[in-house]
Amino acid sequence: MAFSLYHLVREPKIKLDQNPLLLLLHGYGSNEEDLFSFASELPDEYYVISARAPYDLMYGSYAWYAINFDADENKFSDLDQARSSRDLIAGFIDELIDNYAIDAQKITLIGFSQGSILSYAVALSHPEKVQRVVAMSGYLNLDMMAENYAQNDFSSLKIFASHGTVDQVIPVDWARKVAPALEQLKIDVTYKEYPVGHGVAPQNFFDFRNWLAQTR
């Protein structure tokens, strides 16, 4: 079948009747190879699937939505494209469940930067599809959520959020608003910071891997 998103797959090394899924969503201007580079370090029982964003920026770079700069260097997210990608990812999860031996009750999104922002949008709009989120170097953009998202049942959703304290792309102040906002929705959230820029520190990787092991 033709999938709505191009993707790379690492099959589980431990095959169950149905395996849990880690779905990796890369950042702006990157591609599906980026986060997939640490697939071999992720637990053996998971399908690890890395999706390529739909908007082509040329030369192997892709985006989940456009970021436009005005004359004052303010960044504006293309919300129509972001919502379109949110729905695309939600549908893609269904396609994966239909085509691989994936446990629909054990879906985790792992996003970096723009992929992290979209992970929040998918999980809060569709908590029935996503049980856990690892959101690195992103922030919560409530304009990307589905209408009436706040009325959803978040009792099964757990989120690990992390950020670099010297991030020059997305200010850490934006990330610090995430945990209070999620707690207001009664979502189980773990928030950590690392003394790095816009990237994934080794300690960040170990911490979220431990968190995955503890929150199965």
N, C-alpha and C. Protein backbone atom coordinates (compact mmCIF):
# COMPACT_ATOMS: atom_id res chain seq x y z
N MET A 1 0.84 -1.19 0.00
CA MET A 1 0.00 0.00 0.00
C MET A 1 0.88 1.25 0.00
N ALA A 2 0.33 2.32 -0.52
CA ALA A 2 1.07 3.59 -0.50
C ALA A 2 0.79 4.30 0.82
N PHE A 3 1.82 4.56 1.55
CA PHE A 3 1.68 5.29 2.83
C PHE A 3 1.64 6.79 2.56
N SER A 4 1.00 7.51 3.46
CA SER A 4 0.91 8.96 3.28
C SER A 4 2.22 9.67 3.61
N LEU A 5 3.13 9.02 4.35
CA LEU A 5 4.44 9.60 4.64
C LEU A 5 5.54 8.57 4.34
N TYR A 6 6.58 9.02 3.66
CA TYR A 6 7.76 8.17 3.46
C TYR A 6 8.40 7.92 4.83
N HIS A 7 8.89 6.70 5.06
CA HIS A 7 9.43 6.39 6.39
C HIS A 7 10.46 5.27 6.34
N LEU A 8 11.29 5.25 7.37
CA LEU A 8 12.27 4.18 7.58
C LEU A 8 11.78 3.32 8.74
N VAL A 9 12.07 2.03 8.68
CA VAL A 9 11.58 1.10 9.71
C VAL A 9 12.73 0.28 10.28
N ARG A 10 12.82 0.26 11.61
CA ARG A 10 13.65 -0.74 12.28
C ARG A 10 12.68 -1.71 12.93
N GLU A 11 12.70 -2.93 12.43
CA GLU A 11 11.80 -3.96 12.98
C GLU A 11 12.21 -4.27 14.42
N PRO A 12 11.25 -4.69 15.24
CA PRO A 12 11.62 -5.08 16.61
C PRO A 12 12.55 -6.29 16.58
N LYS A 13 13.53 -6.30 17.47
CA LYS A 13 14.43 -7.45 17.54
C LYS A 13 13.79 -8.56 18.35
N ILE A 14 12.83 -8.19 19.19
CA ILE A 14 12.05 -9.17 19.94
C ILE A 14 10.63 -9.11 19.38
N LYS A 15 10.23 -10.14 18.63
CA LYS A 15 8.93 -10.11 17.95
C LYS A 15 7.84 -10.63 18.89
N LEU A 16 6.82 -9.80 19.10
CA LEU A 16 5.63 -10.20 19.85
C LEU A 16 4.48 -10.28 18.86
N ASP A 17 3.31 -10.73 19.32
CA ASP A 17 2.14 -10.71 18.43
C ASP A 17 1.88 -9.29 17.95
N GLN A 18 1.99 -8.35 18.90
CA GLN A 18 1.91 -6.93 18.57
C GLN A 18 2.99 -6.20 19.36
N ASN A 19 3.76 -5.40 18.66
CA ASN A 19 4.86 -4.69 19.32
C ASN A 19 4.52 -3.21 19.51
N PRO A 20 5.10 -2.59 20.55
CA PRO A 20 4.91 -1.15 20.71
C PRO A 20 5.66 -0.39 19.61
N LEU A 21 5.26 0.86 19.40
CA LEU A 21 5.84 1.69 18.35
C LEU A 21 6.46 2.96 18.92
N LEU A 22 7.66 3.29 18.43
CA LEU A 22 8.26 4.61 18.62
C LEU A 22 8.26 5.27 17.25
N LEU A 23 7.48 6.34 17.10
CA LEU A 23 7.40 7.06 15.83
C LEU A 23 8.22 8.35 15.96
N LEU A 24 9.27 8.47 15.14
CA LEU A 24 10.20 9.58 15.23
C LEU A 24 9.82 10.68 14.23
N LEU A 25 9.76 11.92 14.73
CA LEU A 25 9.39 13.07 13.90
C LEU A 25 10.52 14.10 13.96
N HIS A 26 11.19 14.31 12.85
CA HIS A 26 12.39 15.16 12.80
C HIS A 26 12.04 16.65 12.82
N GLY A 27 13.07 17.47 12.91
CA GLY A 27 12.90 18.91 12.97
C GLY A 27 12.90 19.57 11.59
N TYR A 28 12.67 20.87 11.58
CA TYR A 28 12.63 21.68 10.36
C TYR A 28 13.96 21.62 9.63
N GLY A 29 13.89 21.35 8.31
CA GLY A 29 15.10 21.34 7.50
C GLY A 29 15.93 20.08 7.61
N SER A 30 15.40 19.09 8.29
CA SER A 30 16.12 17.82 8.43
C SER A 30 15.41 16.75 7.61
N ASN A 31 15.63 15.48 7.95
CA ASN A 31 14.93 14.40 7.24
C ASN A 31 14.85 13.17 8.13
N GLU A 32 14.27 12.10 7.57
CA GLU A 32 13.99 10.89 8.36
C GLU A 32 15.25 10.17 8.84
N GLU A 33 16.42 10.47 8.24
CA GLU A 33 17.66 9.81 8.66
C GLU A 33 18.15 10.33 10.01
N ASP A 34 17.76 11.56 10.35
CA ASP A 34 18.33 12.27 11.49
C ASP A 34 18.12 11.51 12.80
N LEU A 35 16.89 11.45 13.28
CA LEU A 35 16.62 10.76 14.55
C LEU A 35 16.81 9.25 14.42
N PHE A 36 16.66 8.73 13.18
CA PHE A 36 16.80 7.29 12.97
C PHE A 36 18.22 6.83 13.29
N SER A 37 19.16 7.78 13.33
CA SER A 37 20.56 7.41 13.60
C SER A 37 20.74 6.79 14.98
N PHE A 38 19.82 7.07 15.92
CA PHE A 38 19.96 6.40 17.22
C PHE A 38 18.95 5.25 17.41
N ALA A 39 18.36 4.78 16.30
CA ALA A 39 17.39 3.68 16.39
C ALA A 39 17.99 2.44 17.04
N SER A 40 19.27 2.17 16.73
CA SER A 40 19.91 0.95 17.27
C SER A 40 20.07 1.02 18.79
N GLU A 41 20.01 2.24 19.36
CA GLU A 41 20.16 2.40 20.81
C GLU A 41 18.82 2.31 21.55
N LEU A 42 17.73 2.18 20.79
CA LEU A 42 16.41 2.14 21.42
C LEU A 42 16.01 0.70 21.73
N PRO A 43 15.11 0.51 22.69
CA PRO A 43 14.82 -0.85 23.18
C PRO A 43 14.37 -1.82 22.08
N ASP A 44 14.76 -3.09 22.26
CA ASP A 44 14.61 -4.10 21.21
C ASP A 44 13.17 -4.46 20.88
N GLU A 45 12.24 -4.27 21.81
CA GLU A 45 10.88 -4.75 21.56
C GLU A 45 10.04 -3.78 20.71
N TYR A 46 10.60 -2.61 20.40
CA TYR A 46 9.82 -1.61 19.66
C TYR A 46 10.01 -1.69 18.15
N TYR A 47 8.93 -1.39 17.42
CA TYR A 47 9.10 -0.90 16.06
C TYR A 47 9.62 0.53 16.21
N VAL A 48 10.68 0.87 15.48
CA VAL A 48 11.15 2.24 15.45
C VAL A 48 10.96 2.73 14.01
N ILE A 49 10.06 3.68 13.84
CA ILE A 49 9.72 4.17 12.51
C ILE A 49 9.96 5.68 12.46
N SER A 50 10.72 6.10 11.46
CA SER A 50 11.06 7.52 11.33
C SER A 50 10.40 8.06 10.07
N ALA A 51 9.56 9.09 10.23
CA ALA A 51 8.78 9.62 9.11
C ALA A 51 9.46 10.85 8.52
N ARG A 52 9.30 11.01 7.21
CA ARG A 52 9.80 12.20 6.53
C ARG A 52 8.65 13.22 6.43
N ALA A 53 8.93 14.46 6.81
CA ALA A 53 7.91 15.52 6.74
C ALA A 53 7.50 15.76 5.29
N PRO A 54 6.29 16.27 5.06
CA PRO A 54 5.74 16.33 3.70
C PRO A 54 6.22 17.49 2.83
N TYR A 55 6.75 18.56 3.44
CA TYR A 55 7.11 19.74 2.63
C TYR A 55 8.60 19.74 2.31
N ASP A 56 8.90 19.73 1.01
CA ASP A 56 10.28 19.60 0.52
C ASP A 56 10.95 20.97 0.46
N LEU A 57 12.06 21.12 1.19
CA LEU A 57 12.82 22.37 1.17
C LEU A 57 14.04 22.27 0.24
N MET A 58 14.14 21.18 -0.50
CA MET A 58 15.27 20.90 -1.42
C MET A 58 16.48 20.32 -0.69
N TYR A 59 17.30 19.60 -1.47
CA TYR A 59 18.57 19.04 -0.99
C TYR A 59 18.42 18.16 0.25
N GLY A 60 17.38 17.33 0.27
CA GLY A 60 17.23 16.39 1.39
C GLY A 60 16.72 17.01 2.67
N SER A 61 16.19 18.23 2.58
CA SER A 61 15.63 18.91 3.76
C SER A 61 14.11 18.97 3.64
N TYR A 62 13.44 18.74 4.77
CA TYR A 62 11.98 18.71 4.76
C TYR A 62 11.44 19.45 5.98
N ALA A 63 10.17 19.84 5.88
CA ALA A 63 9.54 20.55 6.99
C ALA A 63 8.11 20.05 7.18
N TRP A 64 7.65 20.12 8.43
CA TRP A 64 6.25 19.78 8.73
C TRP A 64 5.33 20.97 8.42
N TYR A 65 5.91 22.17 8.46
CA TYR A 65 5.18 23.37 8.05
C TYR A 65 6.20 24.47 7.81
N ALA A 66 5.80 25.46 7.02
CA ALA A 66 6.71 26.56 6.69
C ALA A 66 6.89 27.48 7.89
N ILE A 67 8.09 28.03 8.01
CA ILE A 67 8.36 29.08 8.98
C ILE A 67 8.76 30.31 8.17
N ASN A 68 8.00 31.38 8.32
CA ASN A 68 8.25 32.59 7.53
C ASN A 68 8.84 33.67 8.43
N PHE A 69 9.79 34.41 7.89
CA PHE A 69 10.43 35.49 8.64
C PHE A 69 9.97 36.83 8.06
N ASP A 70 9.57 37.74 8.94
CA ASP A 70 9.23 39.07 8.45
C ASP A 70 10.47 39.98 8.52
N ALA A 71 10.29 41.24 8.19
CA ALA A 71 11.43 42.17 8.14
C ALA A 71 12.13 42.31 9.48
N ASP A 72 11.38 42.09 10.57
CA ASP A 72 11.96 42.20 11.90
C ASP A 72 12.48 40.87 12.43
N GLU A 73 12.58 39.89 11.52
CA GLU A 73 13.08 38.56 11.89
C GLU A 73 12.15 37.83 12.85
N ASN A 74 10.90 38.24 12.91
CA ASN A 74 9.94 37.44 13.68
C ASN A 74 9.61 36.20 12.88
N LYS A 75 9.46 35.10 13.59
CA LYS A 75 9.12 33.84 12.91
C LYS A 75 7.61 33.62 12.99
N PHE A 76 7.02 33.28 11.88
CA PHE A 76 5.60 32.95 11.87
C PHE A 76 5.41 31.54 11.35
N SER A 77 4.75 30.71 12.13
CA SER A 77 4.47 29.34 11.70
C SER A 77 3.25 29.34 10.79
N ASP A 78 3.33 28.57 9.71
CA ASP A 78 2.18 28.42 8.82
C ASP A 78 1.20 27.43 9.47
N LEU A 79 0.19 27.98 10.13
CA LEU A 79 -0.69 27.14 10.94
C LEU A 79 -1.54 26.20 10.09
N ASP A 80 -1.90 26.62 8.87
CA ASP A 80 -2.68 25.72 8.01
C ASP A 80 -1.86 24.48 7.66
N GLN A 81 -0.58 24.70 7.32
CA GLN A 81 0.29 23.56 7.02
C GLN A 81 0.52 22.71 8.27
N ALA A 82 0.66 23.36 9.41
CA ALA A 82 0.89 22.62 10.66
C ALA A 82 -0.30 21.73 10.99
N ARG A 83 -1.50 22.27 10.86
CA ARG A 83 -2.70 21.47 11.15
C ARG A 83 -2.85 20.34 10.14
N SER A 84 -2.50 20.62 8.89
CA SER A 84 -2.54 19.59 7.85
C SER A 84 -1.56 18.45 8.21
N SER A 85 -0.36 18.81 8.66
CA SER A 85 0.61 17.79 9.06
C SER A 85 0.14 17.03 10.29
N ARG A 86 -0.48 17.75 11.23
CA ARG A 86 -1.05 17.09 12.42
C ARG A 86 -2.01 15.98 12.00
N ASP A 87 -2.91 16.29 11.07
CA ASP A 87 -3.89 15.30 10.62
C ASP A 87 -3.23 14.18 9.81
N LEU A 88 -2.19 14.56 9.05
CA LEU A 88 -1.45 13.57 8.26
C LEU A 88 -0.80 12.54 9.18
N ILE A 89 -0.16 13.02 10.26
CA ILE A 89 0.50 12.11 11.20
C ILE A 89 -0.52 11.22 11.90
N ALA A 90 -1.66 11.80 12.29
CA ALA A 90 -2.71 11.01 12.95
C ALA A 90 -3.19 9.89 12.02
N GLY A 91 -3.38 10.20 10.75
CA GLY A 91 -3.79 9.18 9.78
C GLY A 91 -2.69 8.17 9.52
N PHE A 92 -1.44 8.64 9.50
CA PHE A 92 -0.28 7.77 9.28
C PHE A 92 -0.16 6.73 10.39
N ILE A 93 -0.47 7.13 11.62
CA ILE A 93 -0.45 6.17 12.74
C ILE A 93 -1.42 5.02 12.45
N ASP A 94 -2.61 5.36 11.95
CA ASP A 94 -3.59 4.31 11.60
C ASP A 94 -3.04 3.40 10.50
N GLU A 95 -2.38 3.98 9.50
CA GLU A 95 -1.80 3.18 8.42
C GLU A 95 -0.74 2.22 8.95
N LEU A 96 0.08 2.70 9.87
CA LEU A 96 1.13 1.84 10.45
C LEU A 96 0.52 0.67 11.20
N ILE A 97 -0.53 0.96 11.98
CA ILE A 97 -1.20 -0.11 12.75
C ILE A 97 -1.80 -1.15 11.80
N ASP A 98 -2.34 -0.68 10.67
CA ASP A 98 -2.96 -1.59 9.69
C ASP A 98 -1.93 -2.45 8.96
N ASN A 99 -0.69 -1.96 8.85
CA ASN A 99 0.29 -2.63 7.99
C ASN A 99 1.45 -3.30 8.72
N TYR A 100 1.63 -2.98 9.99
CA TYR A 100 2.67 -3.63 10.78
C TYR A 100 2.02 -4.21 12.03
N ALA A 101 2.69 -5.17 12.67
CA ALA A 101 2.13 -5.81 13.87
C ALA A 101 2.36 -4.90 15.08
N ILE A 102 1.66 -3.76 15.09
CA ILE A 102 1.85 -2.73 16.12
C ILE A 102 0.68 -2.74 17.09
N ASP A 103 1.00 -2.63 18.37
CA ASP A 103 -0.01 -2.54 19.42
C ASP A 103 -0.55 -1.11 19.46
N ALA A 104 -1.82 -0.94 19.09
CA ALA A 104 -2.42 0.40 19.00
C ALA A 104 -2.51 1.09 20.36
N GLN A 105 -2.35 0.32 21.44
CA GLN A 105 -2.40 0.90 22.78
C GLN A 105 -1.01 1.29 23.30
N LYS A 106 0.00 1.14 22.44
CA LYS A 106 1.38 1.44 22.88
C LYS A 106 2.12 2.23 21.81
N ILE A 107 1.60 3.44 21.56
CA ILE A 107 2.17 4.32 20.54
C ILE A 107 2.88 5.48 21.24
N THR A 108 4.16 5.67 20.91
CA THR A 108 4.94 6.78 21.47
C THR A 108 5.47 7.64 20.33
N LEU A 109 5.27 8.95 20.43
CA LEU A 109 5.87 9.89 19.48
C LEU A 109 7.15 10.45 20.08
N ILE A 110 8.22 10.48 19.30
CA ILE A 110 9.47 11.11 19.73
C ILE A 110 9.79 12.20 18.71
N GLY A 111 9.68 13.45 19.16
CA GLY A 111 9.88 14.56 18.25
C GLY A 111 11.00 15.47 18.68
N PHE A 112 11.68 16.06 17.68
CA PHE A 112 12.70 17.07 17.96
C PHE A 112 12.30 18.37 17.27
N SER A 113 12.34 19.48 18.03
CA SER A 113 12.08 20.81 17.50
C SER A 113 10.70 20.87 16.84
N GLN A 114 10.63 21.11 15.53
CA GLN A 114 9.32 21.17 14.88
C GLN A 114 8.57 19.85 15.02
N GLY A 115 9.29 18.74 14.98
CA GLY A 115 8.66 17.44 15.19
C GLY A 115 8.09 17.28 16.58
N SER A 116 8.72 17.95 17.54
CA SER A 116 8.25 17.96 18.93
C SER A 116 6.96 18.79 19.06
N ILE A 117 6.93 19.95 18.40
CA ILE A 117 5.74 20.82 18.42
C ILE A 117 4.55 20.06 17.83
N LEU A 118 4.81 19.33 16.72
CA LEU A 118 3.75 18.53 16.09
C LEU A 118 3.36 17.34 16.97
N SER A 119 4.31 16.77 17.70
CA SER A 119 3.99 15.64 18.59
C SER A 119 2.97 16.08 19.65
N TYR A 120 3.20 17.27 20.23
CA TYR A 120 2.21 17.80 21.18
C TYR A 120 0.84 17.95 20.50
N ALA A 121 0.84 18.50 19.29
CA ALA A 121 -0.42 18.77 18.60
C ALA A 121 -1.19 17.48 18.32
N VAL A 122 -0.46 16.44 17.88
CA VAL A 122 -1.12 15.15 17.58
C VAL A 122 -1.64 14.52 18.87
N ALA A 123 -0.80 14.49 19.90
CA ALA A 123 -1.17 13.79 21.14
C ALA A 123 -2.33 14.48 21.86
N LEU A 124 -2.32 15.81 21.90
CA LEU A 124 -3.40 16.51 22.59
C LEU A 124 -4.69 16.53 21.78
N SER A 125 -4.55 16.47 20.46
CA SER A 125 -5.74 16.41 19.60
C SER A 125 -6.30 15.00 19.54
N HIS A 126 -5.43 14.00 19.66
CA HIS A 126 -5.84 12.58 19.52
C HIS A 126 -5.23 11.72 20.62
N PRO A 127 -5.57 11.98 21.89
CA PRO A 127 -4.97 11.17 22.96
C PRO A 127 -5.40 9.70 22.91
N GLU A 128 -6.44 9.41 22.13
CA GLU A 128 -6.85 8.00 21.97
C GLU A 128 -5.87 7.25 21.07
N LYS A 129 -5.05 7.98 20.29
CA LYS A 129 -4.09 7.35 19.38
C LYS A 129 -2.68 7.28 19.94
N VAL A 130 -2.37 8.16 20.89
CA VAL A 130 -0.98 8.30 21.38
C VAL A 130 -0.97 8.18 22.90
N GLN A 131 -0.12 7.31 23.42
CA GLN A 131 -0.05 7.11 24.87
C GLN A 131 1.10 7.89 25.51
N ARG A 132 2.19 8.09 24.73
CA ARG A 132 3.35 8.78 25.31
C ARG A 132 4.00 9.68 24.25
N VAL A 133 4.62 10.74 24.76
CA VAL A 133 5.34 11.66 23.88
C VAL A 133 6.70 11.97 24.51
N VAL A 134 7.75 11.93 23.71
CA VAL A 134 9.05 12.49 24.09
C VAL A 134 9.23 13.72 23.21
N ALA A 135 9.18 14.90 23.83
CA ALA A 135 9.21 16.16 23.09
C ALA A 135 10.49 16.91 23.44
N MET A 136 11.44 16.92 22.50
CA MET A 136 12.75 17.54 22.76
C MET A 136 12.89 18.85 21.99
N SER A 137 13.29 19.90 22.69
CA SER A 137 13.59 21.20 22.07
C SER A 137 12.40 21.77 21.29
N GLY A 138 11.22 21.63 21.88
CA GLY A 138 10.04 22.19 21.24
C GLY A 138 9.25 23.06 22.21
N TYR A 139 8.03 23.38 21.84
CA TYR A 139 7.15 24.13 22.73
C TYR A 139 5.71 23.83 22.35
N LEU A 140 4.80 24.29 23.16
CA LEU A 140 3.37 24.02 22.97
C LEU A 140 2.76 25.16 22.18
N ASN A 141 2.25 24.87 20.99
CA ASN A 141 1.53 25.88 20.21
C ASN A 141 0.06 25.47 20.17
N LEU A 142 -0.73 26.10 21.03
CA LEU A 142 -2.14 25.69 21.18
C LEU A 142 -2.96 25.96 19.93
N ASP A 143 -2.47 26.84 19.05
CA ASP A 143 -3.19 27.12 17.80
C ASP A 143 -3.14 25.93 16.83
N MET A 144 -2.28 24.96 17.12
CA MET A 144 -2.16 23.79 16.24
C MET A 144 -3.05 22.63 16.69
N MET A 145 -3.71 22.80 17.83
CA MET A 145 -4.55 21.72 18.35
C MET A 145 -5.89 21.64 17.61
N ALA A 146 -6.51 20.47 17.67
CA ALA A 146 -7.87 20.34 17.14
C ALA A 146 -8.82 21.16 18.01
N GLU A 147 -9.93 21.56 17.42
CA GLU A 147 -10.94 22.30 18.19
C GLU A 147 -11.41 21.47 19.39
N ASN A 148 -11.67 22.14 20.49
CA ASN A 148 -12.18 21.49 21.70
C ASN A 148 -11.23 20.43 22.27
N TYR A 149 -9.95 20.53 21.94
CA TYR A 149 -8.98 19.52 22.41
C TYR A 149 -8.96 19.42 23.94
N ALA A 150 -9.24 20.54 24.62
CA ALA A 150 -9.13 20.56 26.09
C ALA A 150 -10.16 19.65 26.75
N GLN A 151 -11.18 19.26 25.98
CA GLN A 151 -12.20 18.36 26.53
C GLN A 151 -11.84 16.89 26.37
N ASN A 152 -10.70 16.61 25.76
CA ASN A 152 -10.29 15.21 25.55
C ASN A 152 -9.91 14.55 26.88
N ASP A 153 -9.91 13.21 26.85
CA ASP A 153 -9.50 12.42 28.01
C ASP A 153 -8.00 12.16 27.92
N PHE A 154 -7.24 12.80 28.81
CA PHE A 154 -5.77 12.68 28.79
C PHE A 154 -5.26 11.72 29.87
N SER A 155 -6.15 10.91 30.44
CA SER A 155 -5.76 10.10 31.60
C SER A 155 -4.69 9.05 31.25
N SER A 156 -4.58 8.68 29.96
CA SER A 156 -3.59 7.66 29.58
C SER A 156 -2.33 8.27 28.96
N LEU A 157 -2.27 9.60 28.88
CA LEU A 157 -1.17 10.26 28.18
C LEU A 157 -0.05 10.65 29.16
N LYS A 158 1.19 10.31 28.77
CA LYS A 158 2.36 10.71 29.56
C LYS A 158 3.35 11.42 28.63
N ILE A 159 3.95 12.49 29.13
CA ILE A 159 4.85 13.29 28.28
C ILE A 159 6.18 13.54 28.99
N PHE A 160 7.26 13.32 28.23
CA PHE A 160 8.62 13.68 28.67
C PHE A 160 9.05 14.85 27.80
N ALA A 161 9.26 16.02 28.42
CA ALA A 161 9.66 17.21 27.67
C ALA A 161 11.06 17.61 28.11
N SER A 162 11.88 18.05 27.16
CA SER A 162 13.24 18.47 27.52
C SER A 162 13.68 19.62 26.64
N HIS A 163 14.67 20.39 27.14
CA HIS A 163 15.13 21.56 26.40
C HIS A 163 16.55 21.91 26.82
N GLY A 164 17.28 22.54 25.92
CA GLY A 164 18.61 23.06 26.24
C GLY A 164 18.50 24.46 26.81
N THR A 165 19.24 24.72 27.87
CA THR A 165 19.13 26.03 28.54
C THR A 165 19.74 27.15 27.70
N VAL A 166 20.59 26.81 26.73
CA VAL A 166 21.17 27.85 25.87
C VAL A 166 20.73 27.66 24.41
N ASP A 167 19.50 27.19 24.24
CA ASP A 167 18.94 26.98 22.90
C ASP A 167 18.79 28.34 22.21
N GLN A 168 19.44 28.48 21.06
CA GLN A 168 19.42 29.74 20.34
C GLN A 168 18.31 29.79 19.28
N VAL A 169 17.60 28.67 19.09
CA VAL A 169 16.54 28.60 18.08
C VAL A 169 15.16 28.76 18.72
N ILE A 170 14.90 27.97 19.76
CA ILE A 170 13.64 28.08 20.51
C ILE A 170 14.01 28.41 21.95
N PRO A 171 13.69 29.61 22.43
CA PRO A 171 14.12 30.02 23.77
C PRO A 171 13.61 29.07 24.85
N VAL A 172 14.45 28.81 25.83
CA VAL A 172 14.07 27.90 26.91
C VAL A 172 12.84 28.42 27.67
N ASP A 173 12.64 29.74 27.68
CA ASP A 173 11.45 30.30 28.33
C ASP A 173 10.16 29.75 27.74
N TRP A 174 10.17 29.50 26.42
CA TRP A 174 8.98 28.94 25.78
C TRP A 174 8.72 27.52 26.29
N ALA A 175 9.81 26.77 26.44
CA ALA A 175 9.68 25.38 26.89
C ALA A 175 9.23 25.30 28.34
N ARG A 176 9.64 26.29 29.14
CA ARG A 176 9.28 26.27 30.57
C ARG A 176 7.78 26.47 30.80
N LYS A 177 7.08 26.91 29.78
CA LYS A 177 5.62 27.07 29.90
C LYS A 177 4.87 25.76 29.67
N VAL A 178 5.59 24.77 29.15
CA VAL A 178 4.95 23.51 28.75
C VAL A 178 4.37 22.75 29.94
N ALA A 179 5.21 22.51 30.95
CA ALA A 179 4.76 21.67 32.08
C ALA A 179 3.55 22.28 32.80
N PRO A 180 3.56 23.58 33.15
CA PRO A 180 2.37 24.15 33.80
C PRO A 180 1.10 24.02 32.95
N ALA A 181 1.26 24.22 31.63
CA ALA A 181 0.09 24.12 30.74
C ALA A 181 -0.44 22.69 30.69
N LEU A 182 0.47 21.72 30.64
CA LEU A 182 0.04 20.31 30.59
C LEU A 182 -0.56 19.88 31.92
N GLU A 183 0.03 20.35 33.02
CA GLU A 183 -0.49 19.98 34.35
C GLU A 183 -1.91 20.53 34.54
N GLN A 184 -2.17 21.69 33.93
CA GLN A 184 -3.51 22.26 34.01
C GLN A 184 -4.53 21.34 33.33
N LEU A 185 -4.07 20.62 32.29
CA LEU A 185 -4.93 19.65 31.60
C LEU A 185 -4.89 18.28 32.28
N LYS A 186 -4.19 18.23 33.43
CA LYS A 186 -4.05 16.97 34.20
C LYS A 186 -3.31 15.89 33.40
N ILE A 187 -2.31 16.33 32.62
CA ILE A 187 -1.47 15.40 31.87
C ILE A 187 -0.21 15.12 32.68
N ASP A 188 0.16 13.85 32.75
CA ASP A 188 1.37 13.42 33.46
C ASP A 188 2.59 13.89 32.68
N VAL A 189 3.37 14.83 33.23
CA VAL A 189 4.50 15.40 32.49
C VAL A 189 5.78 15.38 33.32
N THR A 190 6.88 15.02 32.67
CA THR A 190 8.23 15.10 33.23
C THR A 190 8.98 16.13 32.40
N TYR A 191 9.61 17.12 33.04
CA TYR A 191 10.32 18.16 32.30
C TYR A 191 11.77 18.26 32.78
N LYS A 192 12.70 18.26 31.83
CA LYS A 192 14.12 18.33 32.18
C LYS A 192 14.84 19.32 31.27
N GLU A 193 15.90 19.93 31.82
CA GLU A 193 16.74 20.84 31.05
C GLU A 193 18.19 20.36 31.07
N TYR A 194 18.90 20.72 30.01
CA TYR A 194 20.31 20.34 29.87
C TYR A 194 21.10 21.56 29.41
N PRO A 195 22.38 21.66 29.80
CA PRO A 195 23.18 22.85 29.47
C PRO A 195 23.72 22.80 28.04
N VAL A 196 22.79 22.73 27.07
CA VAL A 196 23.18 22.64 25.65
C VAL A 196 22.34 23.61 24.83
N GLY A 197 22.68 23.71 23.53
CA GLY A 197 21.92 24.53 22.61
C GLY A 197 20.76 23.74 22.02
N HIS A 198 20.51 23.95 20.72
CA HIS A 198 19.37 23.31 20.04
C HIS A 198 19.80 21.93 19.55
N GLY A 199 19.80 20.97 20.46
CA GLY A 199 20.24 19.62 20.12
C GLY A 199 19.93 18.67 21.25
N VAL A 200 20.26 17.41 21.05
CA VAL A 200 19.96 16.37 22.05
C VAL A 200 21.26 15.99 22.77
N ALA A 201 21.36 16.36 24.03
CA ALA A 201 22.52 15.98 24.84
C ALA A 201 22.50 14.48 25.11
N PRO A 202 23.67 13.83 25.23
CA PRO A 202 23.69 12.40 25.57
C PRO A 202 22.86 12.10 26.83
N GLN A 203 22.97 12.96 27.84
CA GLN A 203 22.20 12.73 29.07
C GLN A 203 20.70 12.78 28.81
N ASN A 204 20.29 13.65 27.90
CA ASN A 204 18.88 13.75 27.51
C ASN A 204 18.42 12.41 26.92
N PHE A 205 19.24 11.85 26.04
CA PHE A 205 18.90 10.57 25.42
C PHE A 205 18.77 9.47 26.48
N PHE A 206 19.74 9.40 27.40
CA PHE A 206 19.68 8.37 28.45
C PHE A 206 18.44 8.57 29.33
N ASP A 207 18.13 9.84 29.64
CA ASP A 207 16.99 10.12 30.52
C ASP A 207 15.67 9.71 29.87
N PHE A 208 15.52 10.01 28.58
CA PHE A 208 14.23 9.64 27.97
C PHE A 208 14.15 8.14 27.74
N ARG A 209 15.31 7.50 27.51
CA ARG A 209 15.28 6.03 27.36
C ARG A 209 14.89 5.38 28.68
N ASN A 210 15.42 5.89 29.79
CA ASN A 210 15.02 5.38 31.11
C ASN A 210 13.55 5.64 31.37
N TRP A 211 13.08 6.82 30.97
CA TRP A 211 11.67 7.16 31.14
C TRP A 211 10.77 6.20 30.35
N LEU A 212 11.21 5.84 29.13
CA LEU A 212 10.44 4.86 28.33
C LEU A 212 10.35 3.54 29.08
N ALA A 213 11.46 3.12 29.69
CA ALA A 213 11.48 1.84 30.40
C ALA A 213 10.56 1.87 31.63
N GLN A 214 10.48 3.04 32.26
CA GLN A 214 9.70 3.14 33.51
C GLN A 214 8.20 3.35 33.26
N THR A 215 7.83 3.82 32.07
CA THR A 215 6.42 4.20 31.85
C THR A 215 5.67 3.25 30.92
N ARG A 216 6.20 2.05 30.72
CA ARG A 216 5.55 1.13 29.79
C ARG A 216 4.10 0.90 30.18
